Amino acid sequence: MPTVVILGGAYVGVKVAHCLLKTTAKTVPDLKVVLVTKNSHFYWNMASVRAVVPGQLSEDQYALPIAKGFEKYPEGSFQLVIGTAEALDTDAKTVKVQTTSGAGGEAADQTFSYDHLVLATGSRYVDANVPWKANGTHEEVTATLKHLQQRVADAKEIVVAGAGATGVELAGEIAFEYKKDKKVILLSGDDSILGGDSVAAAATNELKKLGVEIRTSSRVASTAQLDGGSSSDTNNSTTGKTEITLQNGEKLTADLYLPTMGVVPNSEYVPAKLLNDRTKLVEVDDRFRVTGGGGADNVWAAGDIVSKPKAAFVLADMQAAGVAKNIDLVLRGKSPAAVSLLPFDVHIASVGRERGIGRMGFVKLFSFMVYQMKGKTLGVERLPGWVDGSSF
């Protein structure tokens, strides 16, 4: 029985699992797919910037149980494991996973053998108290969102640090909802938002229309709670202001501080020989097969843990399809193929619930186009189809 173990239950992992069970299982009837994820629910994190605004999204609009989406497959063909990968041995073709079991959630180590392995554990924010990615279990992510909804509702002055796409979208969502009732400040460590992208000027104009105060060349050095809490408690506190110290020595105070920078790959369990020394991202070839030798020919990787050419939903989606296709080819005795990605770079971001900015390559997109593509719903209508596999 060939076994494919997939580490990570987000966009890439869930899609690869469904593709294999829907397609490969027809020609390899004894195929077994094991999906390992720390989160029992699929989290549509693209909507997190809107979910922190009270009253905008219900829990079932941004998270659904993964197990239910796989109930249609034959018994024994799929196994869902709630746990975290701890160690990978490519020579022995095994991965050690720390799982939780029992009513008290006791930790236990399990070792899984594989014929093919997919690394799709993505990335996380250094600040564990923000919900822009699933930094923890479903219960932890949901608790963080509900807590921040209350903090957003109570705050009069909110500082969003980091002016990439997430920061721009977050500042826009809050400012759109509360108009002039709250002061929203967006801090960019660079001399422009969005890393100086060609759509930065358009994004700046849209944010200013919503009343967002943009401060460039304002990189955060440290934060501290003025009520005596530690900097790590910034978003756990229910009262008190946050003091933000910039690298130039300037200090700001805010009722709520929301960092959107500091993303690191979830690759600690991966042997060093398979990682880029500087970025700690997994190295892959054009087939998205992991390089580095040592028995890694049957190990594949996609999504944020690879970030090739960059971390983006549309690219991760295409990578997942390519990895599933290549595993299917190899299991049928054929050679894997190069994975096709977009021939041009795409950059889109919603700015509030009615506007957006974007481009496809060098071609600028009209605001209403980005609104229809992303800003209107942030894709939450696709969640059920992603969980049960009907979207692909």
Protein backbone atom coordinates (compact mmCIF):
# COMPACT_ATOMS: atom_id res chain seq x y z
CA MET A 1 0.00 0.00 0.00
CA PRO A 2 1.72 3.24 -1.13
CA THR A 3 1.39 5.91 1.55
CA VAL A 4 1.59 9.66 0.99
CA VAL A 5 2.09 11.69 4.15
CA ILE A 6 1.23 15.38 3.90
CA LEU A 7 2.45 17.75 6.59
CA GLY A 8 0.24 20.83 6.86
CA GLY A 9 -3.53 21.30 6.65
CA ALA A 10 -3.76 24.68 4.95
CA TYR A 11 -4.30 25.56 1.26
CA VAL A 12 -1.54 23.35 -0.17
CA GLY A 13 -1.90 20.32 2.09
CA VAL A 14 -5.67 20.00 1.79
CA LYS A 15 -5.63 20.49 -1.98
CA VAL A 16 -2.89 17.89 -2.54
CA ALA A 17 -4.79 15.40 -0.36
CA HIS A 18 -8.04 15.86 -2.29
CA CYS A 19 -6.34 15.73 -5.69
CA LEU A 20 -4.61 12.46 -4.85
CA LEU A 21 -7.75 10.85 -3.43
CA LYS A 22 -9.91 12.00 -6.34
CA THR A 23 -7.50 11.22 -9.18
CA THR A 24 -4.58 9.00 -8.22
CA ALA A 25 -6.71 6.62 -6.18
CA LYS A 26 -8.46 5.58 -9.43
CA THR A 27 -5.25 4.10 -10.83
CA VAL A 28 -3.61 3.26 -7.50
CA PRO A 29 -6.61 1.82 -5.62
CA ASP A 30 -4.67 0.91 -2.47
CA LEU A 31 -3.31 4.45 -2.02
CA LYS A 32 -3.42 5.87 1.51
CA VAL A 33 -3.15 9.58 2.28
CA VAL A 34 -2.19 10.76 5.78
CA LEU A 35 -2.76 14.46 6.48
CA VAL A 36 -0.96 15.85 9.53
CA THR A 37 -2.09 19.24 10.83
CA LYS A 38 -2.04 21.04 14.16
CA ASN A 39 -5.34 22.70 13.32
CA SER A 40 -8.46 20.51 13.19
CA HIS A 41 -10.16 23.16 11.06
CA PHE A 42 -9.24 24.63 7.69
CA TYR A 43 -8.58 28.31 8.33
CA TRP A 44 -9.30 30.77 5.52
CA ASN A 45 -6.66 33.18 6.78
CA MET A 46 -7.07 35.57 3.83
CA ALA A 47 -10.21 36.79 5.59
CA SER A 48 -8.48 37.34 8.94
CA VAL A 49 -8.05 41.07 8.29
CA ARG A 50 -11.84 41.37 8.08
CA ALA A 51 -12.58 38.82 10.79
CA VAL A 52 -11.00 41.04 13.48
CA VAL A 53 -13.64 43.70 12.76
CA PRO A 54 -16.64 42.93 15.00
CA GLY A 55 -19.77 41.69 13.27
CA GLN A 56 -18.25 41.06 9.84
CA LEU A 57 -17.69 37.31 9.70
CA SER A 58 -19.06 34.37 11.65
CA GLU A 59 -16.75 31.54 12.68
CA ASP A 60 -18.05 29.17 10.01
CA GLN A 61 -17.18 31.71 7.34
CA TYR A 62 -13.46 31.53 8.07
CA ALA A 63 -13.02 28.01 9.53
CA LEU A 64 -14.55 24.59 8.88
CA PRO A 65 -13.60 21.13 10.20
CA ILE A 66 -11.21 19.29 7.88
CA ALA A 67 -12.39 15.77 8.75
CA LYS A 68 -15.90 16.38 7.44
CA GLY A 69 -14.56 17.28 4.01
CA PHE A 70 -12.91 13.86 3.60
CA GLU A 71 -15.77 11.65 4.80
CA LYS A 72 -16.77 10.78 1.22
CA TYR A 73 -13.61 8.78 0.50
CA PRO A 74 -13.39 4.99 1.05
CA GLU A 75 -12.63 3.88 4.56
CA GLY A 76 -8.93 3.39 5.13
CA SER A 77 -7.83 5.63 2.25
CA PHE A 78 -7.48 8.76 4.38
CA GLN A 79 -6.23 9.47 7.88
CA LEU A 80 -6.32 12.84 9.62
CA VAL A 81 -3.71 13.30 12.33
CA ILE A 82 -3.91 16.31 14.65
CA GLY A 83 -0.33 17.04 15.57
CA THR A 84 2.92 18.83 14.78
CA ALA A 85 5.88 17.46 12.84
CA GLU A 86 8.97 17.23 15.03
CA ALA A 87 11.62 15.39 13.02
CA LEU A 88 12.13 14.10 9.49
CA ASP A 89 14.43 11.23 8.52
CA THR A 90 14.67 11.07 4.74
CA ASP A 91 16.92 7.98 4.82
CA ALA A 92 14.47 5.94 6.88
CA LYS A 93 11.49 7.63 5.16
CA THR A 94 9.85 8.45 8.46
CA VAL A 95 8.51 11.56 10.18
CA LYS A 96 7.96 11.92 13.91
CA VAL A 97 4.80 13.77 14.90
CA GLN A 98 3.72 15.03 18.30
CA THR A 99 0.01 14.35 18.53
CA THR A 100 -2.62 15.10 21.15
CA SER A 101 -4.90 12.37 22.42
CA GLY A 102 -7.29 11.70 25.26
CA ALA A 103 -9.78 13.99 26.97
CA GLY A 104 -7.00 15.99 28.55
CA GLY A 105 -5.14 16.44 25.27
CA GLU A 106 -2.05 14.57 26.44
CA ALA A 107 0.92 14.77 24.09
CA ALA A 108 2.24 11.62 22.46
CA ASP A 109 4.87 10.95 19.78
CA GLN A 110 3.99 8.90 16.73
CA THR A 111 6.22 7.91 13.82
CA PHE A 112 4.78 7.66 10.31
CA SER A 113 6.43 5.89 7.39
CA TYR A 114 5.90 7.22 3.89
CA ASP A 115 6.50 6.41 0.26
CA HIS A 116 6.06 10.06 -0.65
CA LEU A 117 6.09 13.04 1.66
CA VAL A 118 4.71 16.55 1.05
CA LEU A 119 6.03 19.45 3.11
CA ALA A 120 3.24 22.06 3.32
CA THR A 121 3.63 23.42 6.84
CA GLY A 122 3.79 27.01 5.62
CA SER A 123 4.90 29.87 7.80
CA ARG A 124 3.90 31.73 10.95
CA TYR A 125 4.16 35.17 12.50
CA VAL A 126 6.77 35.66 15.19
CA ASP A 127 4.09 37.33 17.30
CA ALA A 128 1.85 34.39 18.21
CA ASN A 129 -0.97 36.71 19.30
CA VAL A 130 -2.04 37.72 15.80
CA PRO A 131 -4.40 35.69 13.56
CA TRP A 132 -3.05 36.48 10.08
CA LYS A 133 -1.95 32.85 9.88
CA ALA A 134 -2.97 29.81 11.89
CA ASN A 135 -0.27 30.11 14.53
CA GLY A 136 -1.98 27.56 16.80
CA THR A 137 -4.89 25.17 17.14
CA HIS A 138 -8.39 26.01 15.95
CA GLU A 139 -9.41 26.89 19.49
CA GLU A 140 -6.41 29.18 19.93
CA VAL A 141 -6.92 30.96 16.60
CA THR A 142 -10.63 31.46 17.28
CA ALA A 143 -9.93 32.79 20.78
CA THR A 144 -7.37 35.23 19.35
CA LEU A 145 -9.85 36.52 16.78
CA LYS A 146 -12.64 37.00 19.31
CA HIS A 147 -10.28 38.73 21.70
CA LEU A 148 -9.06 41.11 19.01
CA GLN A 149 -12.61 41.87 17.89
CA GLN A 150 -13.28 43.25 21.36
CA ARG A 151 -9.98 45.11 21.40
CA VAL A 152 -10.73 46.69 18.02
CA ALA A 153 -14.20 47.72 19.18
CA ASP A 154 -12.84 49.36 22.34
CA ALA A 155 -9.75 51.06 20.86
CA LYS A 156 -9.76 54.69 19.81
CA GLU A 157 -6.25 54.72 18.37
CA ILE A 158 -4.89 51.69 16.51
CA VAL A 159 -1.38 51.27 15.15
CA VAL A 160 -0.82 48.72 12.38
CA ALA A 161 2.88 47.93 11.97
CA GLY A 162 4.07 46.55 8.66
CA ALA A 163 2.84 47.95 5.35
CA GLY A 164 2.86 44.87 3.17
CA ALA A 165 -0.37 43.54 1.69
CA THR A 166 -1.65 42.30 5.07
CA GLY A 167 -0.97 45.61 6.81
CA VAL A 168 -2.58 47.61 4.01
CA GLU A 169 -5.67 45.39 4.00
CA LEU A 170 -5.97 45.41 7.78
CA ALA A 171 -5.68 49.20 8.07
CA GLY A 172 -8.21 49.58 5.27
CA GLU A 173 -10.73 47.19 6.87
CA ILE A 174 -10.66 48.97 10.24
CA ALA A 175 -10.74 52.45 8.76
CA PHE A 176 -13.60 51.54 6.41
CA GLU A 177 -15.70 50.19 9.28
CA TYR A 178 -15.16 53.05 11.71
CA LYS A 179 -14.50 55.97 9.37
CA LYS A 180 -13.38 58.91 11.53
CA ASP A 181 -14.40 57.34 14.86
CA LYS A 182 -11.01 55.70 15.28
CA LYS A 183 -7.53 56.87 14.45
CA VAL A 184 -5.67 54.29 12.37
CA ILE A 185 -1.92 54.66 11.83
CA LEU A 186 -0.04 52.45 9.36
CA LEU A 187 3.71 52.17 9.93
CA SER A 188 6.06 51.24 7.11
CA GLY A 189 9.71 50.47 7.77
CA ASP A 190 10.52 51.44 4.18
CA ASP A 191 10.16 54.81 2.49
CA SER A 192 7.00 53.54 0.79
CA ILE A 193 4.23 51.07 1.55
CA LEU A 194 4.01 47.70 -0.25
CA GLY A 195 7.79 47.65 -0.57
CA GLY A 196 7.73 50.41 -3.16
CA ASP A 197 5.68 48.35 -5.63
CA SER A 198 4.25 50.20 -8.62
CA VAL A 199 0.78 50.07 -7.04
CA ALA A 200 2.00 51.67 -3.80
CA ALA A 201 0.88 55.17 -4.82
CA ALA A 202 -2.64 53.95 -5.61
CA ALA A 203 -2.82 52.12 -2.29
CA THR A 204 -1.61 55.20 -0.46
CA ASN A 205 -4.34 57.32 -2.05
CA GLU A 206 -7.06 54.78 -1.20
CA LEU A 207 -5.93 54.53 2.42
CA LYS A 208 -5.81 58.30 2.82
CA LYS A 209 -9.38 58.54 1.50
CA LEU A 210 -10.37 56.27 4.37
CA GLY A 211 -8.55 58.48 6.86
CA VAL A 212 -5.55 56.22 7.51
CA GLU A 213 -2.43 58.06 8.63
CA ILE A 214 0.58 56.56 6.85
CA ARG A 215 4.05 56.94 8.34
CA THR A 216 6.93 55.71 6.20
CA SER A 217 10.53 55.08 7.31
CA SER A 218 9.04 54.14 10.69
CA ARG A 219 10.41 50.74 11.64
CA VAL A 220 9.39 49.36 15.04
CA ALA A 221 12.25 48.65 17.45
CA SER A 222 10.26 47.46 20.47
CA THR A 223 6.88 47.58 22.21
CA ALA A 224 5.81 47.55 25.83
CA GLN A 225 2.57 47.63 27.81
CA LEU A 226 2.17 50.85 29.77
CA ASP A 227 0.14 49.02 32.41
CA GLY A 228 3.14 46.88 33.34
CA GLY A 229 2.68 43.95 30.95
CA SER A 230 5.55 42.58 28.87
CA SER A 231 5.92 43.24 25.16
CA SER A 232 4.81 39.66 24.43
CA ASP A 233 1.49 40.44 26.11
CA THR A 234 0.70 43.33 23.78
CA ASN A 235 -2.42 41.77 22.27
CA ASN A 236 -3.39 39.59 25.23
CA SER A 237 -3.97 42.56 27.49
CA THR A 238 -7.57 43.69 27.83
CA THR A 239 -6.78 47.18 29.08
CA GLY A 240 -3.97 49.69 28.93
CA LYS A 241 -2.05 51.30 26.11
CA THR A 242 0.94 50.03 24.17
CA GLU A 243 4.09 52.08 23.83
CA ILE A 244 5.79 51.63 20.46
CA THR A 245 9.41 52.66 20.11
CA LEU A 246 10.67 53.27 16.58
CA GLN A 247 14.24 52.72 15.46
CA ASN A 248 14.80 56.48 15.31
CA GLY A 249 13.93 56.71 19.02
CA GLU A 250 10.47 58.19 18.56
CA LYS A 251 7.74 56.78 20.78
CA LEU A 252 4.07 56.33 19.97
CA THR A 253 1.20 55.16 22.15
CA ALA A 254 -1.84 53.23 20.99
CA ASP A 255 -4.90 51.55 22.48
CA LEU A 256 -4.18 48.61 20.20
CA TYR A 257 -1.00 47.57 18.40
CA LEU A 258 -1.35 45.12 15.50
CA PRO A 259 1.92 43.85 13.96
CA THR A 260 1.77 42.35 10.47
CA MET A 261 5.48 41.73 9.95
CA GLY A 262 7.86 39.03 11.09
CA VAL A 263 7.02 35.87 9.14
CA VAL A 264 9.19 32.76 9.53
CA PRO A 265 8.86 29.32 7.87
CA ASN A 266 7.63 26.33 9.86
CA SER A 267 10.68 24.28 8.88
CA GLU A 268 12.36 23.47 12.21
CA TYR A 269 11.69 19.76 11.74
CA VAL A 270 13.36 19.67 8.31
CA PRO A 271 17.03 18.50 8.12
CA ALA A 272 19.41 21.41 7.56
CA LYS A 273 20.71 19.90 4.31
CA LEU A 274 17.29 20.48 2.72
CA LEU A 275 17.05 24.14 3.77
CA ASN A 276 18.44 27.40 2.47
CA ASP A 277 21.09 28.42 5.01
CA ARG A 278 19.90 32.02 5.17
CA THR A 279 16.11 31.88 4.81
CA LYS A 280 15.50 28.39 6.29
CA LEU A 281 13.11 27.76 3.39
CA VAL A 282 13.01 24.34 1.73
CA GLU A 283 14.98 24.09 -1.50
CA VAL A 284 13.14 22.55 -4.46
CA ASP A 285 13.68 22.01 -8.17
CA ASP A 286 11.29 23.03 -10.95
CA ARG A 287 9.19 19.93 -10.22
CA PHE A 288 8.89 21.07 -6.59
CA ARG A 289 10.77 18.00 -5.48
CA VAL A 290 13.02 18.71 -2.51
CA THR A 291 16.72 18.89 -3.34
CA GLY A 292 19.63 18.04 -1.08
CA GLY A 293 19.92 14.30 -1.69
CA GLY A 294 19.93 11.89 1.22
CA GLY A 295 16.79 10.04 0.15
CA ALA A 296 14.81 13.21 -0.57
CA ASP A 297 13.84 12.23 -4.13
CA ASN A 298 10.37 11.27 -2.89
CA VAL A 299 9.91 14.41 -0.78
CA TRP A 300 7.99 17.36 -2.24
CA ALA A 301 7.28 20.85 -0.93
CA ALA A 302 5.03 23.78 -1.83
CA GLY A 303 3.55 26.97 -0.44
CA ASP A 304 5.05 29.35 2.09
CA ILE A 305 7.65 26.83 3.23
CA VAL A 306 9.11 27.16 -0.28
CA SER A 307 8.11 30.72 -1.25
CA LYS A 308 9.20 30.17 -4.84
CA PRO A 309 9.09 32.63 -6.41
CA LYS A 310 7.22 34.29 -3.49
CA ALA A 311 4.52 33.55 -0.95
CA ALA A 312 1.15 34.08 -2.63
CA PHE A 313 -2.15 32.23 -2.67
CA VAL A 314 -2.40 31.90 -6.44
CA LEU A 315 1.14 30.50 -6.67
CA ALA A 316 0.61 28.08 -3.77
CA ASP A 317 -2.55 26.87 -5.50
CA MET A 318 -0.66 26.13 -8.72
CA GLN A 319 2.21 24.51 -6.82
CA ALA A 320 -0.20 22.22 -4.98
CA ALA A 321 -1.77 21.08 -8.24
CA GLY A 322 1.69 20.46 -9.68
CA VAL A 323 2.89 18.44 -6.71
CA ALA A 324 -0.24 16.25 -6.74
CA LYS A 325 0.19 15.65 -10.47
CA ASN A 326 3.85 14.72 -10.06
CA ILE A 327 3.21 12.26 -7.25
CA ASP A 328 0.52 10.72 -9.44
CA LEU A 329 2.98 10.41 -12.33
CA VAL A 330 5.68 8.80 -10.20
CA LEU A 331 3.25 6.34 -8.63
CA ARG A 332 2.25 5.30 -12.15
CA GLY A 333 5.89 4.76 -13.15
CA LYS A 334 6.29 7.99 -15.12
CA SER A 335 8.67 10.94 -14.77
CA PRO A 336 7.54 14.10 -12.95
CA ALA A 337 7.13 17.30 -14.95
CA ALA A 338 8.12 20.90 -14.34
CA VAL A 339 5.35 22.79 -12.54
CA SER A 340 3.94 25.68 -14.54
CA LEU A 341 3.47 28.95 -12.66
CA LEU A 342 2.22 32.36 -13.74
CA PRO A 343 4.25 33.96 -16.55
CA PHE A 344 3.95 37.32 -14.79
CA ASP A 345 3.84 38.68 -11.25
CA VAL A 346 0.47 39.44 -9.67
CA HIS A 347 -0.06 41.84 -6.79
CA ILE A 348 -3.56 42.63 -5.51
CA ALA A 349 -4.88 43.92 -2.20
CA SER A 350 -8.26 45.04 -0.96
CA VAL A 351 -8.46 48.49 0.62
CA GLY A 352 -11.62 48.58 2.67
CA ARG A 353 -14.72 46.69 1.62
CA GLU A 354 -15.40 48.66 -1.57
CA ARG A 355 -12.01 49.37 -3.16
CA GLY A 356 -8.75 47.70 -4.04
CA ILE A 357 -5.45 48.02 -5.89
CA GLY A 358 -3.56 45.60 -8.06
CA ARG A 359 -1.65 44.72 -11.18
CA MET A 360 -0.95 41.75 -13.40
CA GLY A 361 2.62 42.11 -14.51
CA PHE A 362 2.90 45.72 -15.61
CA VAL A 363 -0.82 46.09 -16.27
CA LYS A 364 -2.64 48.03 -13.57
CA LEU A 365 -6.08 46.80 -12.49
CA PHE A 366 -9.04 49.06 -11.91
CA SER A 367 -10.25 49.29 -8.33
CA PHE A 368 -13.63 47.70 -9.12
CA MET A 369 -11.84 44.73 -10.69
CA VAL A 370 -9.87 44.06 -7.50
CA TYR A 371 -13.08 44.51 -5.51
CA GLN A 372 -14.77 41.79 -7.56
CA MET A 373 -11.71 39.51 -7.51
CA LYS A 374 -10.91 39.79 -3.83
CA GLY A 375 -12.21 42.70 -1.78
CA LYS A 376 -15.92 41.89 -1.96
CA THR A 377 -15.67 38.65 0.05
CA LEU A 378 -11.95 37.92 0.54
CA GLY A 379 -12.78 34.55 -0.94
CA VAL A 380 -14.76 33.13 2.00
CA GLU A 381 -17.36 31.67 -0.37
CA ARG A 382 -14.63 29.27 -1.56
CA LEU A 383 -14.03 27.81 1.90
CA PRO A 384 -16.64 24.98 1.78
CA GLY A 385 -15.47 23.87 -1.66
CA TRP A 386 -11.85 23.86 -0.58
CA VAL A 387 -12.58 21.75 2.49
CA ASP A 388 -14.62 19.11 0.64
CA GLY A 389 -12.54 19.21 -2.54
CA SER A 390 -15.35 20.28 -4.85
CA SER A 391 -13.43 23.42 -5.87
CA PHE A 392 -10.83 21.36 -7.75
